[in-house]
Amino acid sequence: MKKTKQHLVALALTAALSFSMTSIAHADIKQEILENRSTIQGYAQNIRQAEDTISKLDHELIALTVRVEENEKKHTSLTKDIQGTLVKIEGKAKERDEKEALYAQRLRSDYKTGGLSWLSTLLNAQSVSDFLLRTRVVQEIAQSDREMIRELERIRKELASQQEILETQRKQTEKLAKELKESNAVILVKMEEQKKSLEKLEEQKKALAKEISGKEMALFQDVKKVLDQPNSTAAEMEEARTLLASLEDFVQSDEAVQLAGSLDEKTGAKLKELRIKEEAARKAAEEAEKARRAAEERAREERAALERARSEERAEAARRAAAAEENAKAERIKAEEAKKAAEKAKRDQDDEEKKNTPKPDYGSNVGSAVVASAYAHLGIPYVYGGSSWYGVDCSSLAQRAYRAAGVYIPRTADVQFYQSIRVSRSNLQPGDLLFWGRYGEVTHVTIYVGADQMIHAPRPGTVVRKVPFSTYGMDYFGAGRYR
């Protein structure tokens, strides 16, 4: 049962990790789809602009066609008017020619008769009034002929002028027809260009829409994978349906929408089936768990009874061991106290002996006394900050050696260096202090005892010892003397 739980936990963690990675992958694909949709919107806007341009050009073409038709009608009308005017001009010209011919014939007749016809007409008058009447008639006839000829000439000129105007208008209509034809050709070229651009945009839009549809379909692969797996759990199916719900709100292509609907039905049915199976498995597991707990309870009771018996035995053995340990501890304490008492007695005896030992009289020879005290400290352990026979450091060794000679000097090496009298290397005497250090700072002091030898307390873990002066490894700062 424990292994089964671990297996289920592992499956849940694997599913969670899988869907986490799926979310990251989906985020990338969705970002690409959104960018493609933005591009399609740009295509759609360009398509609308192209369609608007084509529509405007179409309206321009229609308006141009109307103008062409109106111009053609006007041209036809002008042509008819010109033809009618020409007929009228010809008629008036013919009428004028006839009148002029008649007038000329009358003049020729008068000329041939010697002009007596008019005169005879007047002379044949019966009376004065008849004469006057005849005279007025003759004048009126002559005046009428002249006016008729002038009127005919005026009409002819007017018709000729009208013909010129009509010809000018016809030329204008022909020029306009040419311009309209050229404009029509330009508009047709523009429309053809826009149609080609529109076709290209439509193809690009269609191709990109197909690409988006493919990417949207790819978003459902993880849902389909969970659906197709024979060992999918209800939790995985619920995760798949949650993912599917988010995808249904996102996808837009017809294929992806149809696939989402189909997967929704299938995953819903599969989830219901898995829940029924898992519920049955859960009940079986509960029964098995009850049986296991009952068996464990029986085993626990048996172990408890056995443990109580063993515990009583161990308790008795522990009591006996504790008593023996207590006795041994008491013996150890007594031995330790006896040892400490013996050590204390030994230290007290040594201190008393050192206290009662008279100091040697070196007289005025401080250096010899310092050297003697330094030799007395050989073998004493190095103790940082120590200043007794149980332990010293380098500067306390120098201070104790000079104190034995009756000279009191500072405690630390750097102050000992700066307050001492400088001594050159060639003038060294036993008892002089040698100073050492690192990086420009005095950190160590030794006691020169002659013959290229010196005594010092080196470092923790060592004892006071004698070493050669000339081969010592630290930086030499110089020598100092106290008196």
Protein backbone atom coordinates (compact mmCIF):
# COMPACT_ATOMS: atom_id res chain seq x y z
CA MET A 1 0.00 0.00 0.00
CA LYS A 2 2.88 2.34 0.83
CA LYS A 3 4.47 1.67 -2.56
CA THR A 4 1.14 2.37 -4.23
CA LYS A 5 0.91 5.77 -2.50
CA GLN A 6 4.48 6.59 -3.47
CA HIS A 7 3.67 5.62 -7.04
CA LEU A 8 0.61 7.88 -7.05
CA VAL A 9 2.61 10.77 -5.58
CA ALA A 10 5.30 10.24 -8.22
CA LEU A 11 2.65 10.23 -10.94
CA ALA A 12 1.12 13.43 -9.53
CA LEU A 13 4.52 15.15 -9.39
CA THR A 14 5.31 13.98 -12.92
CA ALA A 15 1.95 15.28 -14.12
CA ALA A 16 2.47 18.61 -12.35
CA LEU A 17 5.94 18.96 -13.87
CA SER A 18 4.61 17.94 -17.27
CA PHE A 19 1.80 20.51 -17.15
CA SER A 20 4.22 23.14 -15.86
CA MET A 21 6.46 22.53 -18.86
CA THR A 22 3.33 22.44 -21.05
CA SER A 23 2.31 25.86 -19.72
CA ILE A 24 5.71 27.27 -20.67
CA ALA A 25 5.52 25.73 -24.15
CA HIS A 26 1.91 26.93 -24.58
CA ALA A 27 2.92 30.44 -23.54
CA ASP A 28 5.49 30.50 -26.36
CA ILE A 29 3.00 29.14 -28.92
CA LYS A 30 0.26 31.54 -27.75
CA GLN A 31 2.68 34.43 -28.06
CA GLU A 32 3.45 33.38 -31.64
CA ILE A 33 -0.30 33.05 -32.38
CA LEU A 34 -1.01 36.50 -30.93
CA GLU A 35 1.78 37.97 -33.05
CA ASN A 36 0.36 36.18 -36.13
CA ARG A 37 -3.14 37.46 -35.32
CA SER A 38 -1.74 40.96 -35.08
CA THR A 39 -0.15 40.43 -38.50
CA ILE A 40 -3.50 39.17 -39.88
CA GLN A 41 -5.20 42.26 -38.50
CA GLY A 42 -2.62 44.28 -40.41
CA TYR A 43 -3.42 42.25 -43.53
CA ALA A 44 -7.15 42.77 -42.94
CA GLN A 45 -6.64 46.51 -42.56
CA ASN A 46 -4.58 46.60 -45.76
CA ILE A 47 -7.28 44.53 -47.49
CA ARG A 48 -9.97 46.98 -46.34
CA GLN A 49 -7.85 49.86 -47.56
CA ALA A 50 -7.34 48.11 -50.93
CA GLU A 51 -11.08 47.37 -51.16
CA ASP A 52 -11.85 51.00 -50.29
CA THR A 53 -9.40 52.14 -52.95
CA ILE A 54 -10.96 49.77 -55.50
CA SER A 55 -14.43 51.00 -54.49
CA LYS A 56 -13.35 54.62 -54.90
CA LEU A 57 -11.76 53.81 -58.26
CA ASP A 58 -14.94 51.97 -59.24
CA HIS A 59 -17.02 55.03 -58.32
CA GLU A 60 -14.61 57.20 -60.26
CA LEU A 61 -14.90 54.81 -63.20
CA ILE A 62 -18.71 54.91 -63.00
CA ALA A 63 -18.67 58.70 -62.82
CA LEU A 64 -16.20 58.75 -65.70
CA THR A 65 -18.41 56.39 -67.70
CA VAL A 66 -21.39 58.67 -67.07
CA ARG A 67 -19.32 61.62 -68.25
CA VAL A 68 -18.22 59.64 -71.31
CA GLU A 69 -21.83 58.75 -72.12
CA GLU A 70 -22.94 62.34 -71.57
CA ASN A 71 -20.05 63.57 -73.70
CA GLU A 72 -20.90 61.07 -76.43
CA LYS A 73 -24.53 62.17 -76.34
CA LYS A 74 -23.42 65.78 -76.50
CA HIS A 75 -21.05 64.96 -79.34
CA THR A 76 -23.82 63.14 -81.21
CA SER A 77 -26.20 66.02 -80.59
CA LEU A 78 -23.61 68.54 -81.74
CA THR A 79 -22.92 66.46 -84.83
CA LYS A 80 -26.64 66.42 -85.63
CA ASP A 81 -26.89 70.15 -84.94
CA ILE A 82 -23.90 70.78 -87.18
CA GLN A 83 -25.44 68.66 -89.93
CA GLY A 84 -28.80 70.47 -89.51
CA THR A 85 -27.05 73.82 -89.54
CA LEU A 86 -25.16 72.83 -92.68
CA VAL A 87 -28.47 71.92 -94.32
CA LYS A 88 -29.94 75.26 -93.26
CA ILE A 89 -26.86 77.10 -94.47
CA GLU A 90 -27.06 75.31 -97.78
CA GLY A 91 -30.80 76.11 -98.01
CA LYS A 92 -30.30 79.78 -97.18
CA ALA A 93 -27.34 79.96 -99.52
CA LYS A 94 -29.43 78.41 -102.29
CA GLU A 95 -32.33 80.78 -101.56
CA ARG A 96 -29.93 83.73 -101.54
CA ASP A 97 -28.40 82.56 -104.78
CA GLU A 98 -31.86 82.26 -106.34
CA LYS A 99 -32.83 85.76 -105.17
CA GLU A 100 -29.56 87.17 -106.38
CA ALA A 101 -30.04 85.42 -109.69
CA LEU A 102 -33.60 86.80 -109.99
CA TYR A 103 -32.40 90.28 -109.06
CA ALA A 104 -29.56 90.03 -111.55
CA GLN A 105 -31.95 88.80 -114.24
CA ARG A 106 -34.23 91.79 -113.61
CA LEU A 107 -31.28 94.13 -113.83
CA ARG A 108 -30.13 92.49 -117.06
CA SER A 109 -33.66 92.78 -118.45
CA ASP A 110 -33.74 96.50 -117.63
CA TYR A 111 -30.34 96.91 -119.14
CA LYS A 112 -31.38 95.18 -122.36
CA THR A 113 -34.54 97.26 -122.68
CA GLY A 114 -32.56 100.37 -121.93
CA GLY A 115 -34.11 100.79 -118.53
CA LEU A 116 -37.49 101.73 -120.03
CA SER A 117 -39.48 99.07 -118.28
CA TRP A 118 -39.45 100.94 -115.00
CA LEU A 119 -39.84 104.23 -116.78
CA SER A 120 -42.61 102.94 -119.02
CA THR A 121 -44.33 101.60 -115.99
CA LEU A 122 -44.27 105.06 -114.49
CA LEU A 123 -45.18 106.87 -117.73
CA ASN A 124 -48.09 104.62 -118.42
CA ALA A 125 -49.71 105.84 -115.23
CA GLN A 126 -53.29 107.07 -115.81
CA SER A 127 -53.11 109.81 -113.24
CA VAL A 128 -50.84 111.50 -110.77
CA SER A 129 -52.03 109.31 -107.99
CA ASP A 130 -51.52 106.28 -110.15
CA PHE A 131 -48.05 107.61 -110.93
CA LEU A 132 -47.24 108.06 -107.30
CA LEU A 133 -48.60 104.66 -106.51
CA ARG A 134 -46.58 103.11 -109.29
CA THR A 135 -43.46 104.94 -108.10
CA ARG A 136 -43.90 103.73 -104.52
CA VAL A 137 -44.49 100.17 -105.71
CA VAL A 138 -41.34 100.25 -107.82
CA GLN A 139 -39.33 101.59 -104.87
CA GLU A 140 -40.80 99.07 -102.48
CA ILE A 141 -39.99 96.21 -104.85
CA ALA A 142 -36.40 97.39 -105.18
CA GLN A 143 -36.10 97.93 -101.42
CA SER A 144 -37.66 94.54 -100.74
CA ASP A 145 -35.18 92.84 -103.04
CA ARG A 146 -32.25 94.52 -101.34
CA GLU A 147 -33.53 93.75 -97.83
CA MET A 148 -34.26 90.15 -98.73
CA ILE A 149 -30.73 89.70 -100.07
CA ARG A 150 -29.23 91.35 -96.95
CA GLU A 151 -31.40 89.17 -94.66
CA LEU A 152 -30.36 86.05 -96.50
CA GLU A 153 -26.71 87.07 -96.15
CA ARG A 154 -27.18 87.79 -92.43
CA ILE A 155 -28.83 84.41 -91.88
CA ARG A 156 -26.05 82.72 -93.80
CA LYS A 157 -23.38 84.43 -91.70
CA GLU A 158 -25.26 83.66 -88.50
CA LEU A 159 -25.55 80.02 -89.50
CA ALA A 160 -21.86 79.97 -90.43
CA SER A 161 -20.99 81.46 -87.00
CA GLN A 162 -23.21 78.90 -85.31
CA GLN A 163 -21.48 76.19 -87.31
CA GLU A 164 -18.08 77.42 -86.08
CA ILE A 165 -19.33 77.36 -82.47
CA LEU A 166 -20.70 73.87 -82.95
CA GLU A 167 -17.43 72.75 -84.52
CA THR A 168 -15.52 74.20 -81.58
CA GLN A 169 -17.82 72.41 -79.14
CA ARG A 170 -17.47 69.18 -81.08
CA LYS A 171 -13.68 69.46 -80.94
CA GLN A 172 -13.96 70.08 -77.21
CA THR A 173 -16.11 66.98 -76.81
CA GLU A 174 -13.60 64.99 -78.86
CA LYS A 175 -10.76 66.31 -76.68
CA LEU A 176 -12.76 65.52 -73.54
CA ALA A 177 -13.52 62.06 -74.92
CA LYS A 178 -9.78 61.49 -75.38
CA GLU A 179 -9.02 62.75 -71.86
CA LEU A 180 -11.80 60.61 -70.42
CA LYS A 181 -10.46 57.62 -72.30
CA GLU A 182 -6.97 58.23 -70.89
CA SER A 183 -8.38 58.70 -67.37
CA ASN A 184 -10.38 55.53 -67.83
CA ALA A 185 -7.21 53.67 -68.81
CA VAL A 186 -5.33 55.05 -65.77
CA ILE A 187 -8.16 54.06 -63.44
CA LEU A 188 -8.30 50.58 -64.97
CA VAL A 189 -4.52 50.18 -64.44
CA LYS A 190 -4.85 51.33 -60.82
CA MET A 191 -7.77 49.00 -60.28
CA GLU A 192 -5.78 46.11 -61.73
CA GLU A 193 -2.85 46.92 -59.44
CA GLN A 194 -5.14 47.14 -56.42
CA LYS A 195 -6.83 43.86 -57.36
CA LYS A 196 -3.46 42.13 -57.64
CA SER A 197 -2.40 43.61 -54.29
CA LEU A 198 -5.74 42.52 -52.83
CA GLU A 199 -5.29 38.98 -54.17
CA LYS A 200 -1.77 38.85 -52.71
CA LEU A 201 -3.00 40.10 -49.32
CA GLU A 202 -5.84 37.59 -49.37
CA GLU A 203 -3.36 34.79 -50.12
CA GLN A 204 -1.03 35.95 -47.33
CA LYS A 205 -3.94 36.24 -44.94
CA LYS A 206 -5.20 32.80 -45.91
CA ALA A 207 -1.72 31.25 -45.52
CA LEU A 208 -1.20 32.91 -42.14
CA ALA A 209 -4.68 31.89 -41.00
CA LYS A 210 -3.80 28.31 -41.96
CA GLU A 211 -0.55 28.59 -40.00
CA ILE A 212 -2.42 29.98 -36.97
CA SER A 213 -4.95 27.16 -37.26
CA GLY A 214 -2.08 24.64 -37.25
CA LYS A 215 -0.54 26.24 -34.17
CA GLU A 216 -3.90 26.36 -32.41
CA MET A 217 -4.42 22.69 -33.23
CA ALA A 218 -0.95 21.96 -31.79
CA LEU A 219 -2.03 23.46 -28.46
CA PHE A 220 -4.35 20.49 -27.98
CA GLN A 221 -1.61 17.86 -28.34
CA ASP A 222 -1.09 17.55 -24.57
CA VAL A 223 -4.83 17.16 -24.01
CA LYS A 224 -4.98 14.47 -26.70
CA LYS A 225 -1.92 12.76 -25.20
CA VAL A 226 -3.59 12.53 -21.77
CA LEU A 227 -6.79 11.33 -23.42
CA ASP A 228 -4.96 8.63 -25.41
CA GLN A 229 -2.84 7.36 -22.49
CA PRO A 230 -4.30 4.11 -21.11
CA ASN A 231 -3.06 4.82 -17.56
CA SER A 232 -4.19 8.46 -17.21
CA THR A 233 -5.57 9.44 -13.80
CA ALA A 234 -8.62 11.53 -12.98
CA ALA A 235 -6.31 14.30 -11.69
CA GLU A 236 -4.46 14.34 -15.01
CA MET A 237 -7.76 14.37 -16.87
CA GLU A 238 -8.99 17.30 -14.76
CA GLU A 239 -5.75 19.14 -15.50
CA ALA A 240 -6.29 18.38 -19.18
CA ARG A 241 -9.86 19.73 -19.01
CA THR A 242 -8.64 22.87 -17.21
CA LEU A 243 -6.09 23.36 -19.96
CA LEU A 244 -8.78 22.64 -22.55
CA ALA A 245 -11.09 25.27 -21.02
CA SER A 246 -8.36 27.91 -21.25
CA LEU A 247 -7.65 26.90 -24.85
CA GLU A 248 -11.34 27.05 -25.80
CA ASP A 249 -11.35 30.71 -24.77
CA PHE A 250 -8.18 31.34 -26.76
CA VAL A 251 -8.54 29.55 -30.11
CA GLN A 252 -10.48 31.16 -32.98
CA SER A 253 -10.02 29.04 -36.11
CA ASP A 254 -12.95 26.82 -37.10
CA GLU A 255 -10.82 23.65 -37.04
CA ALA A 256 -9.48 24.39 -33.54
CA VAL A 257 -12.94 25.30 -32.22
CA GLN A 258 -14.39 22.04 -33.59
CA LEU A 259 -11.48 20.05 -32.12
CA ALA A 260 -11.96 21.75 -28.74
CA GLY A 261 -15.64 20.78 -28.72
CA SER A 262 -14.82 17.17 -29.63
CA LEU A 263 -12.10 16.93 -26.97
CA ASP A 264 -14.40 18.48 -24.38
CA GLU A 265 -16.94 15.69 -24.92
CA LYS A 266 -14.31 12.94 -24.92
CA THR A 267 -12.40 14.18 -21.85
CA GLY A 268 -15.68 14.67 -19.97
CA ALA A 269 -16.72 11.09 -20.64
CA LYS A 270 -13.21 9.80 -19.83
CA LEU A 271 -13.09 11.78 -16.57
CA LYS A 272 -16.42 10.33 -15.48
CA GLU A 273 -15.16 6.81 -16.24
CA LEU A 274 -11.88 7.40 -14.36
CA ARG A 275 -13.67 8.81 -11.32
CA ILE A 276 -15.84 5.69 -11.14
CA LYS A 277 -12.75 3.47 -11.37
CA GLU A 278 -10.77 5.53 -8.86
CA GLU A 279 -13.68 5.55 -6.44
CA ALA A 280 -13.83 1.76 -6.62
CA ALA A 281 -10.05 1.59 -6.17
CA ARG A 282 -10.26 4.00 -3.23
CA LYS A 283 -12.86 1.86 -1.48
CA ALA A 284 -10.78 -1.27 -2.09
CA ALA A 285 -7.72 0.55 -0.75
CA GLU A 286 -9.66 1.64 2.35
CA GLU A 287 -10.69 -1.95 3.01
CA ALA A 288 -7.11 -3.11 2.51
CA GLU A 289 -5.89 -0.31 4.78
CA LYS A 290 -8.34 -1.36 7.51
CA ALA A 291 -7.12 -4.95 7.26
CA ARG A 292 -3.50 -3.78 7.36
CA ARG A 293 -4.11 -1.59 10.39
CA ALA A 294 -5.86 -4.44 12.20
CA ALA A 295 -2.91 -6.74 11.47
CA GLU A 296 -0.46 -4.05 12.58
CA GLU A 297 -2.46 -3.50 15.78
CA ARG A 298 -2.29 -7.20 16.60
CA ALA A 299 1.43 -7.29 15.85
CA ARG A 300 1.93 -4.13 17.93
CA GLU A 301 0.16 -5.67 20.90
CA GLU A 302 2.30 -8.78 20.62
CA ARG A 303 5.47 -6.69 20.37
CA ALA A 304 4.35 -4.57 23.33
CA ALA A 305 3.88 -7.65 25.49
CA LEU A 306 7.29 -8.95 24.48
CA GLU A 307 8.83 -5.52 25.00
CA ARG A 308 7.37 -5.23 28.50
CA ALA A 309 8.97 -8.51 29.45
CA ARG A 310 12.30 -7.47 27.99
CA SER A 311 11.99 -4.03 29.56
CA GLU A 312 11.65 -5.50 33.01
CA GLU A 313 14.77 -7.58 32.43
CA ARG A 314 16.67 -4.56 31.09
CA ALA A 315 15.52 -2.42 34.02
CA GLU A 316 16.91 -4.92 36.49
CA ALA A 317 20.19 -5.16 34.61
CA ALA A 318 20.33 -1.35 34.41
CA ARG A 319 19.84 -1.02 38.13
CA ARG A 320 22.72 -3.38 38.77
CA ALA A 321 24.93 -1.61 36.22
CA ALA A 322 24.05 1.80 37.69
CA ALA A 323 25.04 0.67 41.15
CA ALA A 324 28.37 -0.65 39.85
CA GLU A 325 28.95 2.58 37.88
CA GLU A 326 28.19 4.68 40.95
CA ASN A 327 30.76 2.76 42.98
CA ALA A 328 33.36 3.09 40.20
CA LYS A 329 32.65 6.81 39.91
CA ALA A 330 33.18 7.32 43.61
CA GLU A 331 36.53 5.52 43.37
CA ARG A 332 37.57 7.68 40.38
CA ILE A 333 36.66 10.87 42.25
CA LYS A 334 38.74 9.82 45.22
CA ALA A 335 41.71 8.98 42.98
CA GLU A 336 41.37 12.31 41.11
CA GLU A 337 41.24 14.29 44.34
CA ALA A 338 44.32 12.47 45.64
CA LYS A 339 46.17 13.20 42.38
CA LYS A 340 45.24 16.90 42.49
CA ALA A 341 46.34 17.15 46.11
CA ALA A 342 49.72 15.58 45.24
CA GLU A 343 50.22 17.93 42.26
CA LYS A 344 49.32 20.97 44.37
CA ALA A 345 51.74 19.91 47.06
CA LYS A 346 54.47 19.53 44.42
CA ARG A 347 53.76 23.01 42.96
CA ASP A 348 53.73 24.57 46.40
CA GLN A 349 57.05 22.92 47.18
CA ASP A 350 58.59 24.16 43.87
CA ASP A 351 57.31 27.70 44.47
CA GLU A 352 58.71 27.69 47.96
CA GLU A 353 62.09 26.48 46.72
CA LYS A 354 62.21 29.16 44.01
CA LYS A 355 61.10 31.80 46.50
CA ASN A 356 63.82 30.82 48.99
CA THR A 357 66.54 30.46 46.34
CA PRO A 358 68.82 33.52 46.70
CA LYS A 359 69.35 35.63 43.57
CA PRO A 360 72.89 35.53 42.21
CA ASP A 361 74.92 38.65 42.65
CA TYR A 362 76.03 39.79 39.27
CA GLY A 363 77.20 43.11 40.45
CA SER A 364 77.05 45.76 37.76
CA ASN A 365 77.20 43.26 34.92
CA VAL A 366 73.53 43.44 33.80
CA GLY A 367 74.18 41.51 30.59
CA SER A 368 75.56 38.48 32.43
CA ALA A 369 72.58 38.46 34.81
CA VAL A 370 70.15 38.66 31.87
CA VAL A 371 71.90 35.75 30.13
CA ALA A 372 71.88 33.67 33.31
CA SER A 373 68.14 34.25 33.79
CA ALA A 374 67.48 33.39 30.13
CA TYR A 375 69.32 30.09 30.52
CA ALA A 376 67.25 29.40 33.65
CA HIS A 377 64.07 29.61 31.57
CA LEU A 378 65.13 27.02 28.96
CA GLY A 379 62.43 24.36 28.53
CA ILE A 380 59.58 26.45 29.98
CA PRO A 381 56.48 26.17 27.70
CA TYR A 382 55.41 29.04 25.46
CA VAL A 383 52.14 30.53 26.76
CA TYR A 384 50.77 33.61 25.03
CA GLY A 385 50.44 36.35 27.68
CA GLY A 386 52.10 34.09 30.27
CA SER A 387 54.71 35.45 32.69
CA SER A 388 55.60 32.73 35.20
CA TRP A 389 57.63 29.57 35.54
CA TYR A 390 54.61 27.71 34.09
CA GLY A 391 54.77 29.59 30.80
CA VAL A 392 56.08 32.74 29.09
CA ASP A 393 55.91 34.47 25.72
CA CYS A 394 58.80 36.22 23.96
CA SER A 395 58.45 39.69 25.54
CA SER A 396 57.68 38.41 29.06
CA LEU A 397 60.85 36.24 28.86
CA ALA A 398 62.90 39.39 28.12
CA GLN A 399 61.12 41.33 30.87
CA ARG A 400 61.67 38.52 33.45
CA ALA A 401 65.36 38.17 32.47
CA TYR A 402 66.01 41.91 32.93
CA ARG A 403 63.98 41.96 36.15
CA ALA A 404 66.32 39.25 37.49
CA ALA A 405 69.17 41.69 36.74
CA GLY A 406 67.35 44.46 38.61
CA VAL A 407 66.25 46.36 35.48
CA TYR A 408 62.58 46.94 34.73
CA ILE A 409 61.63 47.19 31.02
CA PRO A 410 58.25 47.47 29.16
CA ARG A 411 56.03 44.41 28.68
CA THR A 412 55.55 44.23 24.87
CA ALA A 413 58.18 43.71 22.16
CA ASP A 414 57.39 46.83 20.10
CA VAL A 415 57.60 49.17 23.13
CA GLN A 416 60.77 47.39 24.32
CA PHE A 417 62.28 48.13 20.89
CA TYR A 418 61.40 51.82 20.78
CA GLN A 419 62.47 52.56 24.40
CA SER A 420 65.79 50.66 24.26
CA ILE A 421 69.22 52.06 23.35
CA ARG A 422 70.06 51.23 19.69
CA VAL A 423 73.04 48.89 19.29
CA SER A 424 74.73 48.05 15.98
CA ARG A 425 75.23 44.45 14.97
CA SER A 426 79.01 44.77 15.29
CA ASN A 427 78.74 46.04 18.92
CA LEU A 428 76.40 43.34 20.26
CA GLN A 429 77.01 42.15 23.86
CA PRO A 430 75.46 39.22 25.75
CA GLY A 431 72.16 40.34 27.29
CA ASP A 432 71.23 42.69 24.42
CA LEU A 433 67.75 42.28 22.96
CA LEU A 434 67.29 41.37 19.27
CA PHE A 435 64.05 42.54 17.62
CA TRP A 436 62.27 40.84 14.70
CA GLY A 437 59.05 41.27 12.74
CA ARG A 438 57.08 41.24 9.51
CA TYR A 439 55.78 43.96 7.14
CA GLY A 440 57.50 46.81 8.99
CA GLU A 441 56.17 45.92 12.46
CA VAL A 442 58.12 44.52 15.47
CA THR A 443 56.40 41.31 16.57
CA HIS A 444 59.15 39.25 18.29
CA VAL A 445 62.11 39.72 20.67
CA THR A 446 65.04 37.40 21.54
CA ILE A 447 67.95 37.60 24.03
CA TYR A 448 71.50 37.57 22.62
CA VAL A 449 73.76 35.25 24.71
CA GLY A 450 76.96 35.53 22.62
CA ALA A 451 78.73 33.36 20.05
CA ASP A 452 75.97 33.97 17.42
CA GLN A 453 73.40 32.38 19.77
CA MET A 454 70.14 33.71 21.19
CA ILE A 455 67.43 32.44 23.60
CA HIS A 456 63.71 33.04 22.93
CA ALA A 457 60.14 31.72 23.34
CA PRO A 458 59.17 31.01 19.69
CA ARG A 459 55.41 30.28 19.45
CA PRO A 460 52.55 28.23 20.95
CA GLY A 461 53.33 24.53 21.15
CA THR A 462 57.06 25.10 21.74
CA VAL A 463 59.35 25.79 24.73
CA VAL A 464 62.05 28.37 25.48
CA ARG A 465 65.10 27.37 23.42
CA LYS A 466 68.51 28.50 22.15
CA VAL A 467 69.00 28.99 18.39
CA PRO A 468 71.61 30.54 16.04
CA PHE A 469 71.23 34.29 15.54
CA SER A 470 72.56 34.62 11.97
CA THR A 471 70.24 32.00 10.41
CA TYR A 472 66.98 33.08 12.06
CA GLY A 473 64.18 33.40 9.48
CA MET A 474 62.28 36.56 10.48
CA ASP A 475 63.04 40.14 9.37
CA TYR A 476 65.71 41.69 11.61
CA PHE A 477 64.77 45.14 12.89
CA GLY A 478 67.79 45.83 15.09
CA ALA A 479 69.21 45.42 18.61
CA GLY A 480 68.50 47.30 21.85
CA ARG A 481 70.11 47.55 25.30
CA TYR A 482 68.84 48.47 28.77
CA ARG A 483 71.11 49.38 31.75
